[in-house]
């Protein structure tokens, strides 16, 4: 099993420029404690949730907004995935305490993992918001929002530390690549480009903490369990190849909503973006070196795919 962990590039300074903010999660817990409607409006206007709204507008077929957040707080909607947060305040408070107590580890041990796979000199200013509700983890506009009420995070808060570099890598990737939103796609050629971009982005983000997970014995996450099982990995690769082949057959015809939903449900729901993309990145790194993999981040997803195919065809 591949288990090499290289040192962080010293010219990158991501960890020094990250601010961790717990106020969104703390405000939600405060709301459940006293049911203050004014506080609900403040929560809905919080910059952490503004990022959630904007991200969902670009990448979700069911966008979230302030009204849906307030409805979810009041128990009138499940759209924000608060998932009984009001019934587990002690658990969520313990997670916040865990994160605050481990902030130095986030800064010095976990966040810098992302810079191992980003060009030298990359040094952004990033805010990491810890929320309750929304998506498990998103990254946009030099901001990250992570939902501490996500089931996997609740059962093992260390997973938050391991997901953090994944999301931070997305911020770096967007610094070098234009990220398409799904509503800009018109033809199957456009859609193929989006699939290739998402595969590179999500795959390399999955690769970022891979070696760290091995060292911590934290390989039970679904994506990593498949990556560690050759038979199951081959099945995912073949499933993905079928998708790419189908999009290449008629590139100029308009892409239908039905086709998009089917392919995105496979690539996201079946985790093909993450698993196959990570496998591709691993093969490039093992055969051509990490330096080559990092060079590709400043090129195109098509070049990433071509480089992988050149290795496969040897």
C-alpha atoms as a PDB file:
ATOM      1  CA  UNK A   1       0.000   0.000   0.000  1.00  0.00           C
ATOM      2  CA  UNK A   2       1.216   3.481  -0.877  1.00  0.00           C
ATOM      3  CA  UNK A   3       2.088   5.273   2.354  1.00  0.00           C
ATOM      4  CA  UNK A   4       4.725   7.916   1.623  1.00  0.00           C
ATOM      5  CA  UNK A   5       4.231  11.241   3.392  1.00  0.00           C
ATOM      6  CA  UNK A   6       6.436  14.037   2.101  1.00  0.00           C
ATOM      7  CA  UNK A   7       7.176  17.196   4.104  1.00  0.00           C
ATOM      8  CA  UNK A   8       5.164  20.364   3.659  1.00  0.00           C
ATOM      9  CA  UNK A   9       6.657  22.814   1.182  1.00  0.00           C
ATOM     10  CA  UNK A  10       8.262  25.508   3.323  1.00  0.00           C
ATOM     11  CA  UNK A  11       7.549  28.299   0.818  1.00  0.00           C
ATOM     12  CA  UNK A  12       3.819  27.883   1.326  1.00  0.00           C
ATOM     13  CA  UNK A  13       2.245  29.584   4.316  1.00  0.00           C
ATOM     14  CA  UNK A  14      -1.396  28.498   4.374  1.00  0.00           C
ATOM     15  CA  UNK A  15      -1.631  27.695   8.087  1.00  0.00           C
ATOM     16  CA  UNK A  16      -0.436  31.136   9.175  1.00  0.00           C
ATOM     17  CA  UNK A  17      -3.286  32.778   7.267  1.00  0.00           C
ATOM     18  CA  UNK A  18      -6.258  30.745   8.497  1.00  0.00           C
ATOM     19  CA  UNK A  19      -8.833  32.043  10.946  1.00  0.00           C
ATOM     20  CA  UNK A  20     -11.112  29.540  12.691  1.00  0.00           C
ATOM     21  CA  UNK A  21     -14.551  30.823  13.687  1.00  0.00           C
ATOM     22  CA  UNK A  22     -17.073  28.949  15.847  1.00  0.00           C
ATOM     23  CA  UNK A  23     -19.680  31.704  16.193  1.00  0.00           C
ATOM     24  CA  UNK A  24     -22.216  30.249  13.719  1.00  0.00           C
ATOM     25  CA  UNK A  25     -22.407  26.916  15.559  1.00  0.00           C
ATOM     26  CA  UNK A  26     -22.482  28.643  18.942  1.00  0.00           C
ATOM     27  CA  UNK A  27     -25.332  30.910  17.844  1.00  0.00           C
ATOM     28  CA  UNK A  28     -27.416  27.916  16.734  1.00  0.00           C
ATOM     29  CA  UNK A  29     -26.915  26.262  20.119  1.00  0.00           C
ATOM     30  CA  UNK A  30     -27.864  29.527  21.798  1.00  0.00           C
ATOM     31  CA  UNK A  31     -31.026  29.684  19.677  1.00  0.00           C
ATOM     32  CA  UNK A  32     -32.078  26.200  20.747  1.00  0.00           C
ATOM     33  CA  UNK A  33     -31.480  27.173  24.358  1.00  0.00           C
ATOM     34  CA  UNK A  34     -33.763  30.223  24.400  1.00  0.00           C
ATOM     35  CA  UNK A  35     -35.746  30.214  21.099  1.00  0.00           C
ATOM     36  CA  UNK A  36     -35.048  33.854  20.290  1.00  0.00           C
ATOM     37  CA  UNK A  37     -36.570  34.812  16.911  1.00  0.00           C
ATOM     38  CA  UNK A  38     -34.257  37.794  16.560  1.00  0.00           C
ATOM     39  CA  UNK A  39     -31.334  35.413  16.940  1.00  0.00           C
ATOM     40  CA  UNK A  40     -32.765  33.240  14.153  1.00  0.00           C
ATOM     41  CA  UNK A  41     -32.562  36.225  11.812  1.00  0.00           C
ATOM     42  CA  UNK A  42     -28.980  36.909  12.916  1.00  0.00           C
ATOM     43  CA  UNK A  43     -28.053  33.285  12.243  1.00  0.00           C
ATOM     44  CA  UNK A  44     -29.620  33.456   8.786  1.00  0.00           C
ATOM     45  CA  UNK A  45     -27.499  36.538   8.008  1.00  0.00           C
ATOM     46  CA  UNK A  46     -24.269  35.047   9.394  1.00  0.00           C
ATOM     47  CA  UNK A  47     -21.419  35.052   6.820  1.00  0.00           C
ATOM     48  CA  UNK A  48     -20.885  31.316   7.371  1.00  0.00           C
ATOM     49  CA  UNK A  49     -24.373  30.586   6.086  1.00  0.00           C
ATOM     50  CA  UNK A  50     -24.051  33.190   3.324  1.00  0.00           C
ATOM     51  CA  UNK A  51     -21.302  30.965   1.919  1.00  0.00           C
ATOM     52  CA  UNK A  52     -23.636  27.956   2.154  1.00  0.00           C
ATOM     53  CA  UNK A  53     -26.338  29.825   0.197  1.00  0.00           C
ATOM     54  CA  UNK A  54     -23.913  30.933  -2.502  1.00  0.00           C
ATOM     55  CA  UNK A  55     -22.371  27.478  -2.865  1.00  0.00           C
ATOM     56  CA  UNK A  56     -25.771  25.794  -3.145  1.00  0.00           C
ATOM     57  CA  UNK A  57     -26.869  28.343  -5.766  1.00  0.00           C
ATOM     58  CA  UNK A  58     -23.956  27.339  -7.970  1.00  0.00           C
ATOM     59  CA  UNK A  59     -23.742  23.607  -7.368  1.00  0.00           C
ATOM     60  CA  UNK A  60     -27.080  22.313  -6.046  1.00  0.00           C
ATOM     61  CA  UNK A  61     -30.347  21.580  -7.829  1.00  0.00           C
ATOM     62  CA  UNK A  62     -32.201  22.587  -4.627  1.00  0.00           C
ATOM     63  CA  UNK A  63     -30.554  25.837  -3.501  1.00  0.00           C
ATOM     64  CA  UNK A  64     -30.651  26.878   0.153  1.00  0.00           C
ATOM     65  CA  UNK A  65     -31.498  30.379   1.350  1.00  0.00           C
ATOM     66  CA  UNK A  66     -32.216  32.387   4.503  1.00  0.00           C
ATOM     67  CA  UNK A  67     -35.905  31.489   4.574  1.00  0.00           C
ATOM     68  CA  UNK A  68     -35.124  27.768   4.424  1.00  0.00           C
ATOM     69  CA  UNK A  69     -32.591  28.148   7.221  1.00  0.00           C
ATOM     70  CA  UNK A  70     -35.125  29.860   9.494  1.00  0.00           C
ATOM     71  CA  UNK A  71     -37.766  27.265   8.620  1.00  0.00           C
ATOM     72  CA  UNK A  72     -35.265  24.533   9.471  1.00  0.00           C
ATOM     73  CA  UNK A  73     -34.385  26.165  12.796  1.00  0.00           C
ATOM     74  CA  UNK A  74     -38.076  26.272  13.644  1.00  0.00           C
ATOM     75  CA  UNK A  75     -38.550  22.615  12.706  1.00  0.00           C
ATOM     76  CA  UNK A  76     -40.732  23.403   9.660  1.00  0.00           C
ATOM     77  CA  UNK A  77     -38.239  22.086   7.094  1.00  0.00           C
ATOM     78  CA  UNK A  78     -35.443  19.525   6.839  1.00  0.00           C
ATOM     79  CA  UNK A  79     -33.665  21.362   4.034  1.00  0.00           C
ATOM     80  CA  UNK A  80     -30.806  22.562   6.217  1.00  0.00           C
ATOM     81  CA  UNK A  81     -30.086  19.161   7.770  1.00  0.00           C
ATOM     82  CA  UNK A  82     -30.109  20.356  11.362  1.00  0.00           C
ATOM     83  CA  UNK A  83     -30.883  16.679  12.108  1.00  0.00           C
ATOM     84  CA  UNK A  84     -32.091  16.959  15.693  1.00  0.00           C
ATOM     85  CA  UNK A  85     -29.297  19.306  16.717  1.00  0.00           C
ATOM     86  CA  UNK A  86     -31.501  20.711  19.470  1.00  0.00           C
ATOM     87  CA  UNK A  87     -31.600  17.241  21.093  1.00  0.00           C
ATOM     88  CA  UNK A  88     -27.816  16.909  21.338  1.00  0.00           C
ATOM     89  CA  UNK A  89     -26.446  20.265  22.551  1.00  0.00           C
ATOM     90  CA  UNK A  90     -23.957  18.610  24.897  1.00  0.00           C
ATOM     91  CA  UNK A  91     -22.427  16.551  22.089  1.00  0.00           C
ATOM     92  CA  UNK A  92     -22.124  19.578  19.823  1.00  0.00           C
ATOM     93  CA  UNK A  93     -20.634  21.707  22.581  1.00  0.00           C
ATOM     94  CA  UNK A  94     -18.082  18.947  23.207  1.00  0.00           C
ATOM     95  CA  UNK A  95     -17.140  19.006  19.513  1.00  0.00           C
ATOM     96  CA  UNK A  96     -16.641  22.773  19.628  1.00  0.00           C
ATOM     97  CA  UNK A  97     -14.441  22.347  22.701  1.00  0.00           C
ATOM     98  CA  UNK A  98     -12.505  19.569  20.945  1.00  0.00           C
ATOM     99  CA  UNK A  99     -11.856  21.834  17.961  1.00  0.00           C
ATOM    100  CA  UNK A 100     -10.772  24.780  20.088  1.00  0.00           C
ATOM    101  CA  UNK A 101      -8.454  22.517  22.091  1.00  0.00           C
ATOM    102  CA  UNK A 102      -6.986  21.135  18.860  1.00  0.00           C
ATOM    103  CA  UNK A 103      -6.684  24.400  16.986  1.00  0.00           C
ATOM    104  CA  UNK A 104      -2.887  24.276  17.100  1.00  0.00           C
ATOM    105  CA  UNK A 105      -3.023  20.790  15.521  1.00  0.00           C
ATOM    106  CA  UNK A 106      -5.351  22.117  12.818  1.00  0.00           C
ATOM    107  CA  UNK A 107      -2.919  24.946  12.145  1.00  0.00           C
ATOM    108  CA  UNK A 108       0.361  23.068  12.278  1.00  0.00           C
ATOM    109  CA  UNK A 109      -0.444  19.448  11.422  1.00  0.00           C
ATOM    110  CA  UNK A 110      -3.598  19.178   9.310  1.00  0.00           C
ATOM    111  CA  UNK A 111      -4.168  22.426   7.374  1.00  0.00           C
ATOM    112  CA  UNK A 112      -0.642  22.418   5.850  1.00  0.00           C
ATOM    113  CA  UNK A 113      -1.329  19.032   4.230  1.00  0.00           C
ATOM    114  CA  UNK A 114      -3.198  20.874   1.486  1.00  0.00           C
ATOM    115  CA  UNK A 115      -0.091  22.809   0.490  1.00  0.00           C
ATOM    116  CA  UNK A 116       1.744  19.551  -0.203  1.00  0.00           C
ATOM    117  CA  UNK A 117      -0.284  19.413  -3.426  1.00  0.00           C
ATOM    118  CA  UNK A 118      -0.359  23.107  -4.369  1.00  0.00           C
ATOM    119  CA  UNK A 119       2.221  25.226  -6.201  1.00  0.00           C
ATOM    120  CA  UNK A 120       5.014  26.812  -4.175  1.00  0.00           C
ATOM    121  CA  UNK A 121       4.241  30.366  -3.127  1.00  0.00           C
ATOM    122  CA  UNK A 122       0.509  29.824  -2.674  1.00  0.00           C
ATOM    123  CA  UNK A 123      -0.398  31.749   0.494  1.00  0.00           C
ATOM    124  CA  UNK A 124      -4.068  32.734   0.836  1.00  0.00           C
ATOM    125  CA  UNK A 125      -6.043  34.237   3.699  1.00  0.00           C
ATOM    126  CA  UNK A 126      -8.847  31.818   4.595  1.00  0.00           C
ATOM    127  CA  UNK A 127     -11.697  31.757   7.107  1.00  0.00           C
ATOM    128  CA  UNK A 128     -12.917  28.364   8.322  1.00  0.00           C
ATOM    129  CA  UNK A 129     -16.447  28.562   9.671  1.00  0.00           C
ATOM    130  CA  UNK A 130     -17.766  25.762  11.876  1.00  0.00           C
ATOM    131  CA  UNK A 131     -21.525  25.538  11.463  1.00  0.00           C
ATOM    132  CA  UNK A 132     -24.483  23.440  12.504  1.00  0.00           C
ATOM    133  CA  UNK A 133     -26.566  22.493   9.468  1.00  0.00           C
ATOM    134  CA  UNK A 134     -25.857  22.910   5.782  1.00  0.00           C
ATOM    135  CA  UNK A 135     -23.425  20.679   3.912  1.00  0.00           C
ATOM    136  CA  UNK A 136     -20.815  18.531   5.638  1.00  0.00           C
ATOM    137  CA  UNK A 137     -18.040  20.610   4.085  1.00  0.00           C
ATOM    138  CA  UNK A 138     -17.841  23.255   1.359  1.00  0.00           C
ATOM    139  CA  UNK A 139     -15.221  25.694   0.092  1.00  0.00           C
ATOM    140  CA  UNK A 140     -15.811  28.929  -1.804  1.00  0.00           C
ATOM    141  CA  UNK A 141     -14.309  32.418  -2.072  1.00  0.00           C
ATOM    142  CA  UNK A 142     -11.421  31.684   0.333  1.00  0.00           C
ATOM    143  CA  UNK A 143     -13.873  30.438   2.934  1.00  0.00           C
ATOM    144  CA  UNK A 144     -14.687  26.970   4.248  1.00  0.00           C
ATOM    145  CA  UNK A 145     -17.860  25.946   6.087  1.00  0.00           C
ATOM    146  CA  UNK A 146     -17.940  22.633   7.978  1.00  0.00           C
ATOM    147  CA  UNK A 147     -21.082  21.242   9.596  1.00  0.00           C
ATOM    148  CA  UNK A 148     -20.151  19.765  12.983  1.00  0.00           C
ATOM    149  CA  UNK A 149     -23.584  18.103  13.143  1.00  0.00           C
ATOM    150  CA  UNK A 150     -22.685  15.853  10.196  1.00  0.00           C
ATOM    151  CA  UNK A 151     -23.107  12.255  11.425  1.00  0.00           C
ATOM    152  CA  UNK A 152     -19.540  11.141  10.713  1.00  0.00           C
ATOM    153  CA  UNK A 153     -18.127  14.209  12.479  1.00  0.00           C
ATOM    154  CA  UNK A 154     -20.343  13.606  15.515  1.00  0.00           C
ATOM    155  CA  UNK A 155     -19.232   9.991  15.822  1.00  0.00           C
ATOM    156  CA  UNK A 156     -15.542  10.872  15.451  1.00  0.00           C
ATOM    157  CA  UNK A 157     -14.503  14.561  15.676  1.00  0.00           C
ATOM    158  CA  UNK A 158     -11.022  13.645  14.395  1.00  0.00           C
ATOM    159  CA  UNK A 159     -12.711  13.342  11.006  1.00  0.00           C
ATOM    160  CA  UNK A 160     -13.224  17.117  11.025  1.00  0.00           C
ATOM    161  CA  UNK A 161      -9.455  17.558  11.257  1.00  0.00           C
ATOM    162  CA  UNK A 162      -8.961  15.147   8.358  1.00  0.00           C
ATOM    163  CA  UNK A 163     -11.674  16.735   6.196  1.00  0.00           C
ATOM    164  CA  UNK A 164     -10.211  20.211   6.770  1.00  0.00           C
ATOM    165  CA  UNK A 165      -7.226  19.843   4.364  1.00  0.00           C
ATOM    166  CA  UNK A 166      -9.600  18.381   1.762  1.00  0.00           C
ATOM    167  CA  UNK A 167     -11.668  21.580   1.815  1.00  0.00           C
ATOM    168  CA  UNK A 168      -8.600  23.809   1.983  1.00  0.00           C
ATOM    169  CA  UNK A 169      -7.248  22.154  -1.145  1.00  0.00           C
ATOM    170  CA  UNK A 170     -10.438  23.179  -2.976  1.00  0.00           C
ATOM    171  CA  UNK A 171      -9.670  26.815  -2.146  1.00  0.00           C
ATOM    172  CA  UNK A 172      -6.198  26.398  -3.636  1.00  0.00           C
ATOM    173  CA  UNK A 173      -7.485  24.562  -6.711  1.00  0.00           C
ATOM    174  CA  UNK A 174      -9.928  27.396  -7.416  1.00  0.00           C
ATOM    175  CA  UNK A 175      -7.005  29.824  -7.238  1.00  0.00           C
ATOM    176  CA  UNK A 176      -5.518  28.179 -10.330  1.00  0.00           C
ATOM    177  CA  UNK A 177      -8.592  26.759 -12.087  1.00  0.00           C
ATOM    178  CA  UNK A 178     -11.960  28.212 -13.081  1.00  0.00           C
ATOM    179  CA  UNK A 179     -14.656  26.176 -11.341  1.00  0.00           C
ATOM    180  CA  UNK A 180     -17.755  25.747 -13.511  1.00  0.00           C
ATOM    181  CA  UNK A 181     -21.190  25.760 -11.948  1.00  0.00           C
ATOM    182  CA  UNK A 182     -23.556  23.064 -13.159  1.00  0.00           C
ATOM    183  CA  UNK A 183     -26.010  25.563 -14.630  1.00  0.00           C
ATOM    184  CA  UNK A 184     -23.477  26.835 -17.185  1.00  0.00           C
ATOM    185  CA  UNK A 185     -23.438  23.498 -19.019  1.00  0.00           C
ATOM    186  CA  UNK A 186     -25.131  23.427 -22.441  1.00  0.00           C
ATOM    187  CA  UNK A 187     -23.694  20.526 -24.477  1.00  0.00           C
ATOM    188  CA  UNK A 188     -22.331  17.112 -23.623  1.00  0.00           C
ATOM    189  CA  UNK A 189     -18.878  18.503 -24.405  1.00  0.00           C
ATOM    190  CA  UNK A 190     -19.434  21.193 -21.746  1.00  0.00           C
ATOM    191  CA  UNK A 191     -20.620  18.549 -19.335  1.00  0.00           C
ATOM    192  CA  UNK A 192     -17.605  16.344 -20.018  1.00  0.00           C
ATOM    193  CA  UNK A 193     -15.327  19.271 -19.171  1.00  0.00           C
ATOM    194  CA  UNK A 194     -17.224  19.810 -15.922  1.00  0.00           C
ATOM    195  CA  UNK A 195     -16.966  16.101 -15.023  1.00  0.00           C
ATOM    196  CA  UNK A 196     -13.221  16.144 -15.713  1.00  0.00           C
ATOM    197  CA  UNK A 197     -12.732  19.300 -13.635  1.00  0.00           C
ATOM    198  CA  UNK A 198     -14.727  17.953 -10.691  1.00  0.00           C
ATOM    199  CA  UNK A 199     -12.886  14.627 -10.883  1.00  0.00           C
ATOM    200  CA  UNK A 200      -9.512  16.346 -10.700  1.00  0.00           C
ATOM    201  CA  UNK A 201     -10.615  18.737  -7.955  1.00  0.00           C
ATOM    202  CA  UNK A 202     -12.361  16.203  -5.711  1.00  0.00           C
ATOM    203  CA  UNK A 203      -9.869  13.441  -6.459  1.00  0.00           C
ATOM    204  CA  UNK A 204      -6.803  15.452  -5.487  1.00  0.00           C
ATOM    205  CA  UNK A 205      -8.596  16.819  -2.419  1.00  0.00           C
ATOM    206  CA  UNK A 206      -9.199  13.194  -1.420  1.00  0.00           C
ATOM    207  CA  UNK A 207      -5.525  12.413  -2.008  1.00  0.00           C
ATOM    208  CA  UNK A 208      -4.340  15.298   0.218  1.00  0.00           C
ATOM    209  CA  UNK A 209      -4.931  13.553   3.608  1.00  0.00           C
ATOM    210  CA  UNK A 210      -4.404   9.992   2.295  1.00  0.00           C
ATOM    211  CA  UNK A 211      -0.986   9.396   3.860  1.00  0.00           C
ATOM    212  CA  UNK A 212      -2.070  11.084   7.093  1.00  0.00           C
ATOM    213  CA  UNK A 213      -5.052   8.752   7.318  1.00  0.00           C
ATOM    214  CA  UNK A 214      -2.755   5.764   6.934  1.00  0.00           C
ATOM    215  CA  UNK A 215      -0.508   7.014   9.735  1.00  0.00           C
ATOM    216  CA  UNK A 216      -3.536   7.531  12.017  1.00  0.00           C
ATOM    217  CA  UNK A 217      -5.254   4.268  11.059  1.00  0.00           C
ATOM    218  CA  UNK A 218      -8.234   6.291   9.811  1.00  0.00           C
ATOM    219  CA  UNK A 219      -8.987   4.428   6.587  1.00  0.00           C
ATOM    220  CA  UNK A 220     -12.549   3.371   7.415  1.00  0.00           C
ATOM    221  CA  UNK A 221     -14.066   6.337   5.542  1.00  0.00           C
ATOM    222  CA  UNK A 222     -15.940   4.975   2.494  1.00  0.00           C
ATOM    223  CA  UNK A 223     -13.714   6.569  -0.158  1.00  0.00           C
ATOM    224  CA  UNK A 224     -10.502   5.299   1.419  1.00  0.00           C
ATOM    225  CA  UNK A 225     -11.909   1.832   2.076  1.00  0.00           C
ATOM    226  CA  UNK A 226     -12.633   1.505  -1.668  1.00  0.00           C
ATOM    227  CA  UNK A 227      -9.212   2.875  -2.594  1.00  0.00           C
ATOM    228  CA  UNK A 228      -7.686   0.174  -0.385  1.00  0.00           C
ATOM    229  CA  UNK A 229      -9.690  -2.627  -2.029  1.00  0.00           C
ATOM    230  CA  UNK A 230      -8.423  -3.399  -5.531  1.00  0.00           C
ATOM    231  CA  UNK A 231     -11.512  -5.323  -6.660  1.00  0.00           C
ATOM    232  CA  UNK A 232     -13.950  -2.589  -5.604  1.00  0.00           C
ATOM    233  CA  UNK A 233     -11.672   0.118  -6.975  1.00  0.00           C
ATOM    234  CA  UNK A 234     -11.618  -1.554 -10.410  1.00  0.00           C
ATOM    235  CA  UNK A 235     -15.436  -1.615 -10.401  1.00  0.00           C
ATOM    236  CA  UNK A 236     -15.541   2.141  -9.753  1.00  0.00           C
ATOM    237  CA  UNK A 237     -12.967   2.800 -12.481  1.00  0.00           C
ATOM    238  CA  UNK A 238     -14.964   0.787 -15.022  1.00  0.00           C
ATOM    239  CA  UNK A 239     -18.167   2.596 -14.036  1.00  0.00           C
ATOM    240  CA  UNK A 240     -16.413   5.923 -14.565  1.00  0.00           C
ATOM    241  CA  UNK A 241     -14.929   4.898 -17.915  1.00  0.00           C
ATOM    242  CA  UNK A 242     -18.433   4.069 -19.157  1.00  0.00           C
ATOM    243  CA  UNK A 243     -19.570   7.581 -18.263  1.00  0.00           C
ATOM    244  CA  UNK A 244     -16.646   9.250 -20.041  1.00  0.00           C
ATOM    245  CA  UNK A 245     -17.178   7.074 -23.127  1.00  0.00           C
ATOM    246  CA  UNK A 246     -20.876   7.959 -23.277  1.00  0.00           C
ATOM    247  CA  UNK A 247     -20.169  11.712 -23.121  1.00  0.00           C
ATOM    248  CA  UNK A 248     -17.507  11.438 -25.824  1.00  0.00           C
ATOM    249  CA  UNK A 249     -19.858   9.758 -28.299  1.00  0.00           C
ATOM    250  CA  UNK A 250     -22.092  12.773 -29.021  1.00  0.00           C
ATOM    251  CA  UNK A 251     -20.235  15.817 -27.692  1.00  0.00           C
ATOM    252  CA  UNK A 252     -22.164  18.469 -29.629  1.00  0.00           C
ATOM    253  CA  UNK A 253     -25.722  17.563 -28.675  1.00  0.00           C
ATOM    254  CA  UNK A 254     -27.473  19.436 -25.868  1.00  0.00           C
ATOM    255  CA  UNK A 255     -27.127  17.814 -22.483  1.00  0.00           C
ATOM    256  CA  UNK A 256     -30.452  16.902 -20.877  1.00  0.00           C
ATOM    257  CA  UNK A 257     -31.380  17.310 -17.238  1.00  0.00           C
ATOM    258  CA  UNK A 258     -32.056  13.586 -17.045  1.00  0.00           C
ATOM    259  CA  UNK A 259     -28.535  12.748 -18.250  1.00  0.00           C
ATOM    260  CA  UNK A 260     -26.946  15.279 -15.921  1.00  0.00           C
ATOM    261  CA  UNK A 261     -28.872  13.958 -12.924  1.00  0.00           C
ATOM    262  CA  UNK A 262     -27.948  10.365 -13.768  1.00  0.00           C
ATOM    263  CA  UNK A 263     -24.236  11.063 -14.216  1.00  0.00           C
ATOM    264  CA  UNK A 264     -23.925  13.418 -11.245  1.00  0.00           C
ATOM    265  CA  UNK A 265     -25.707  10.904  -9.027  1.00  0.00           C
ATOM    266  CA  UNK A 266     -23.067   8.346 -10.004  1.00  0.00           C
ATOM    267  CA  UNK A 267     -20.092  10.673  -9.817  1.00  0.00           C
ATOM    268  CA  UNK A 268     -21.150  12.250  -6.529  1.00  0.00           C
ATOM    269  CA  UNK A 269     -23.468   9.708  -4.920  1.00  0.00           C
ATOM    270  CA  UNK A 270     -21.351   6.695  -5.910  1.00  0.00           C
ATOM    271  CA  UNK A 271     -18.253   8.782  -5.113  1.00  0.00           C
ATOM    272  CA  UNK A 272     -16.613   8.412  -8.503  1.00  0.00           C
ATOM    273  CA  UNK A 273     -15.307  11.995  -8.464  1.00  0.00           C
ATOM    274  CA  UNK A 274     -13.486  11.275  -5.216  1.00  0.00           C
ATOM    275  CA  UNK A 275     -12.358   7.680  -5.633  1.00  0.00           C
ATOM    276  CA  UNK A 276     -11.416   7.568  -9.319  1.00  0.00           C
ATOM    277  CA  UNK A 277      -9.930  11.070  -9.208  1.00  0.00           C
ATOM    278  CA  UNK A 278      -7.803  10.135  -6.201  1.00  0.00           C
ATOM    279  CA  UNK A 279      -6.632   6.958  -7.946  1.00  0.00           C
ATOM    280  CA  UNK A 280      -5.629   9.008 -10.995  1.00  0.00           C
ATOM    281  CA  UNK A 281      -3.669  11.453  -8.848  1.00  0.00           C
ATOM    282  CA  UNK A 282      -1.948   8.636  -6.982  1.00  0.00           C
ATOM    283  CA  UNK A 283      -0.866   6.984 -10.219  1.00  0.00           C
ATOM    284  CA  UNK A 284       0.547  10.239 -11.585  1.00  0.00           C
ATOM    285  CA  UNK A 285       2.415  10.909  -8.338  1.00  0.00           C
ATOM    286  CA  UNK A 286       3.814   7.395  -8.072  1.00  0.00           C
ATOM    287  CA  UNK A 287       4.950   7.247 -11.693  1.00  0.00           C
ATOM    288  CA  UNK A 288       5.942  10.837 -12.457  1.00  0.00           C
ATOM    289  CA  UNK A 289       6.411  12.409  -9.024  1.00  0.00           C
ATOM    290  CA  UNK A 290       4.522  14.911  -6.932  1.00  0.00           C
ATOM    291  CA  UNK A 291       6.184  17.825  -8.699  1.00  0.00           C
ATOM    292  CA  UNK A 292       4.534  16.754 -11.963  1.00  0.00           C
ATOM    293  CA  UNK A 293       1.169  16.394 -10.257  1.00  0.00           C
ATOM    294  CA  UNK A 294       1.436  19.915  -8.853  1.00  0.00           C
ATOM    295  CA  UNK A 295       2.408  21.290 -12.271  1.00  0.00           C
ATOM    296  CA  UNK A 296      -0.871  19.927 -13.639  1.00  0.00           C
ATOM    297  CA  UNK A 297      -2.859  22.103 -11.224  1.00  0.00           C
ATOM    298  CA  UNK A 298      -1.715  25.126 -13.206  1.00  0.00           C
ATOM    299  CA  UNK A 299      -2.733  23.450 -16.481  1.00  0.00           C
ATOM    300  CA  UNK A 300      -6.104  21.899 -17.372  1.00  0.00           C
ATOM    301  CA  UNK A 301      -8.209  18.923 -16.252  1.00  0.00           C
ATOM    302  CA  UNK A 302      -7.853  17.588 -19.811  1.00  0.00           C
ATOM    303  CA  UNK A 303      -4.072  17.555 -19.322  1.00  0.00           C
ATOM    304  CA  UNK A 304      -4.561  15.749 -16.000  1.00  0.00           C
ATOM    305  CA  UNK A 305      -6.608  13.060 -17.780  1.00  0.00           C
ATOM    306  CA  UNK A 306      -4.126  12.833 -20.664  1.00  0.00           C
ATOM    307  CA  UNK A 307      -1.235  12.387 -18.222  1.00  0.00           C
ATOM    308  CA  UNK A 308      -3.046   9.594 -16.419  1.00  0.00           C
ATOM    309  CA  UNK A 309      -3.937   7.878 -19.706  1.00  0.00           C
ATOM    310  CA  UNK A 310      -0.281   8.030 -20.798  1.00  0.00           C
ATOM    311  CA  UNK A 311       0.616   6.064 -17.667  1.00  0.00           C
ATOM    312  CA  UNK A 312      -2.206   3.553 -18.222  1.00  0.00           C
ATOM    313  CA  UNK A 313      -1.113   2.974 -21.830  1.00  0.00           C
ATOM    314  CA  UNK A 314       2.528   2.249 -21.050  1.00  0.00           C
END
